[in-house]
Amino acid sequence: MEPEVIEKEQVKELSFKSPMNLKQDPELQRHLAEATRLGNGYHTKVGIIFHDDEGLKRINTTIWATGSNYICLKGGMWLPINHIVELRF
């Protein structure tokens, strides 16, 4: 299934209420930390594939901060880590 490509500004309009039982890469936290470093140091964008309550989505953006449960995207938008399927550098 191909993800729907959306603009990062649309993330604030999405719903993440449904619990996710995704099989995530065990290296996801390490990849998020690397993407955050690249975003802050070099303004490097990454592809983030994730599920919201309506289905699979993809955005290309910089990650400004990574917490234990959420990532912060450029523009102050937050995305729950447990909904992330994959990062593409």
C-alpha atoms as a PDB file:
ATOM      1  CA  MET A   1       0.000   0.000   0.000  1.00  0.00           C
ATOM      2  CA  GLU A   2       1.437   3.362  -1.038  1.00  0.00           C
ATOM      3  CA  PRO A   3       1.229   6.187   1.497  1.00  0.00           C
ATOM      4  CA  GLU A   4      -0.653   9.364   0.693  1.00  0.00           C
ATOM      5  CA  VAL A   5       1.874  12.194   0.352  1.00  0.00           C
ATOM      6  CA  ILE A   6       0.830  15.238   2.341  1.00  0.00           C
ATOM      7  CA  GLU A   7       2.400  18.556   3.298  1.00  0.00           C
ATOM      8  CA  LYS A   8       3.870  18.817   6.799  1.00  0.00           C
ATOM      9  CA  GLU A   9       1.433  21.632   7.610  1.00  0.00           C
ATOM     10  CA  GLN A  10      -1.425  19.117   7.356  1.00  0.00           C
ATOM     11  CA  VAL A  11      -0.101  17.073  10.314  1.00  0.00           C
ATOM     12  CA  LYS A  12      -1.839  19.388  12.798  1.00  0.00           C
ATOM     13  CA  GLU A  13      -5.184  18.475  11.191  1.00  0.00           C
ATOM     14  CA  LEU A  14      -4.692  14.702  11.543  1.00  0.00           C
ATOM     15  CA  SER A  15      -6.023  12.482  14.316  1.00  0.00           C
ATOM     16  CA  PHE A  16      -3.865   9.944  16.179  1.00  0.00           C
ATOM     17  CA  LYS A  17      -6.456   8.561  18.621  1.00  0.00           C
ATOM     18  CA  SER A  18      -6.488   4.947  17.410  1.00  0.00           C
ATOM     19  CA  PRO A  19      -3.940   2.755  19.177  1.00  0.00           C
ATOM     20  CA  MET A  20      -1.203   1.475  16.875  1.00  0.00           C
ATOM     21  CA  ASN A  21       0.340  -1.963  17.029  1.00  0.00           C
ATOM     22  CA  LEU A  22       3.000  -1.409  14.390  1.00  0.00           C
ATOM     23  CA  LYS A  23       6.050  -3.560  13.953  1.00  0.00           C
ATOM     24  CA  GLN A  24       8.735  -0.882  14.137  1.00  0.00           C
ATOM     25  CA  ASP A  25      12.402  -1.126  13.305  1.00  0.00           C
ATOM     26  CA  PRO A  26      14.332  -1.724  16.538  1.00  0.00           C
ATOM     27  CA  GLU A  27      16.723   0.994  15.327  1.00  0.00           C
ATOM     28  CA  LEU A  28      13.939   3.585  14.955  1.00  0.00           C
ATOM     29  CA  GLN A  29      15.024   5.645  17.993  1.00  0.00           C
ATOM     30  CA  ARG A  30      18.596   5.736  16.666  1.00  0.00           C
ATOM     31  CA  HIS A  31      17.356   6.754  13.220  1.00  0.00           C
ATOM     32  CA  LEU A  32      15.190   9.495  14.757  1.00  0.00           C
ATOM     33  CA  ALA A  33      18.196  10.820  16.686  1.00  0.00           C
ATOM     34  CA  GLU A  34      20.261  10.876  13.482  1.00  0.00           C
ATOM     35  CA  ALA A  35      17.456  12.583  11.539  1.00  0.00           C
ATOM     36  CA  THR A  36      17.175  15.184  14.323  1.00  0.00           C
ATOM     37  CA  ARG A  37      20.921  15.833  14.190  1.00  0.00           C
ATOM     38  CA  LEU A  38      20.785  16.212  10.406  1.00  0.00           C
ATOM     39  CA  GLY A  39      17.713  18.444  10.608  1.00  0.00           C
ATOM     40  CA  ASN A  40      19.243  20.792  13.167  1.00  0.00           C
ATOM     41  CA  GLY A  41      22.763  20.836  11.787  1.00  0.00           C
ATOM     42  CA  TYR A  42      22.193  20.705   8.062  1.00  0.00           C
ATOM     43  CA  HIS A  43      18.434  21.322   7.549  1.00  0.00           C
ATOM     44  CA  THR A  44      18.244  17.869   5.949  1.00  0.00           C
ATOM     45  CA  LYS A  45      14.748  16.622   5.176  1.00  0.00           C
ATOM     46  CA  VAL A  46      13.702  13.020   5.724  1.00  0.00           C
ATOM     47  CA  GLY A  47      10.705  11.073   4.504  1.00  0.00           C
ATOM     48  CA  ILE A  48       8.485  10.032   7.394  1.00  0.00           C
ATOM     49  CA  ILE A  49       5.919   7.321   6.710  1.00  0.00           C
ATOM     50  CA  PHE A  50       3.286   7.021   9.419  1.00  0.00           C
ATOM     51  CA  HIS A  51      -0.294   6.016  10.178  1.00  0.00           C
ATOM     52  CA  ASP A  52      -2.978   8.410  11.305  1.00  0.00           C
ATOM     53  CA  ASP A  53      -6.550   7.348  12.072  1.00  0.00           C
ATOM     54  CA  GLU A  54      -7.417   7.361   8.359  1.00  0.00           C
ATOM     55  CA  GLY A  55      -4.457   5.484   6.884  1.00  0.00           C
ATOM     56  CA  LEU A  56      -0.864   5.587   5.721  1.00  0.00           C
ATOM     57  CA  LYS A  57       0.713   9.008   5.068  1.00  0.00           C
ATOM     58  CA  ARG A  58       4.114  10.374   4.060  1.00  0.00           C
ATOM     59  CA  ILE A  59       5.716  13.761   4.642  1.00  0.00           C
ATOM     60  CA  ASN A  60       9.141  15.112   3.741  1.00  0.00           C
ATOM     61  CA  THR A  61      10.414  17.487   6.384  1.00  0.00           C
ATOM     62  CA  THR A  62      13.082  18.206   8.948  1.00  0.00           C
ATOM     63  CA  ILE A  63      12.869  16.801  12.464  1.00  0.00           C
ATOM     64  CA  TRP A  64      13.755  19.463  15.033  1.00  0.00           C
ATOM     65  CA  ALA A  65      13.461  17.428  18.237  1.00  0.00           C
ATOM     66  CA  THR A  66      12.920  13.840  19.332  1.00  0.00           C
ATOM     67  CA  GLY A  67      11.372  12.988  22.677  1.00  0.00           C
ATOM     68  CA  SER A  68      10.422   9.662  24.182  1.00  0.00           C
ATOM     69  CA  ASN A  69       6.911   9.687  22.673  1.00  0.00           C
ATOM     70  CA  TYR A  70       6.831  12.408  19.992  1.00  0.00           C
ATOM     71  CA  ILE A  71       8.952  14.095  17.356  1.00  0.00           C
ATOM     72  CA  CYS A  72       8.741  17.817  16.721  1.00  0.00           C
ATOM     73  CA  LEU A  73       8.682  18.900  13.098  1.00  0.00           C
ATOM     74  CA  LYS A  74       9.567  22.259  11.631  1.00  0.00           C
ATOM     75  CA  GLY A  75       6.781  24.658  12.490  1.00  0.00           C
ATOM     76  CA  GLY A  76       6.150  23.190  15.949  1.00  0.00           C
ATOM     77  CA  MET A  77       4.020  20.241  14.853  1.00  0.00           C
ATOM     78  CA  TRP A  78       4.187  17.020  16.870  1.00  0.00           C
ATOM     79  CA  LEU A  79       3.940  13.463  15.558  1.00  0.00           C
ATOM     80  CA  PRO A  80       3.600  10.416  17.855  1.00  0.00           C
ATOM     81  CA  ILE A  81       6.537   8.025  17.494  1.00  0.00           C
ATOM     82  CA  ASN A  82       4.343   4.943  17.959  1.00  0.00           C
ATOM     83  CA  HIS A  83       2.576   5.840  14.670  1.00  0.00           C
ATOM     84  CA  ILE A  84       5.799   5.996  12.610  1.00  0.00           C
ATOM     85  CA  VAL A  85       6.323   3.142  10.179  1.00  0.00           C
ATOM     86  CA  GLU A  86       9.590   4.168   8.514  1.00  0.00           C
ATOM     87  CA  LEU A  87      12.106   6.959   7.986  1.00  0.00           C
ATOM     88  CA  ARG A  88      13.699   7.464   4.570  1.00  0.00           C
ATOM     89  CA  PHE A  89      16.932   9.421   4.388  1.00  0.00           C
END
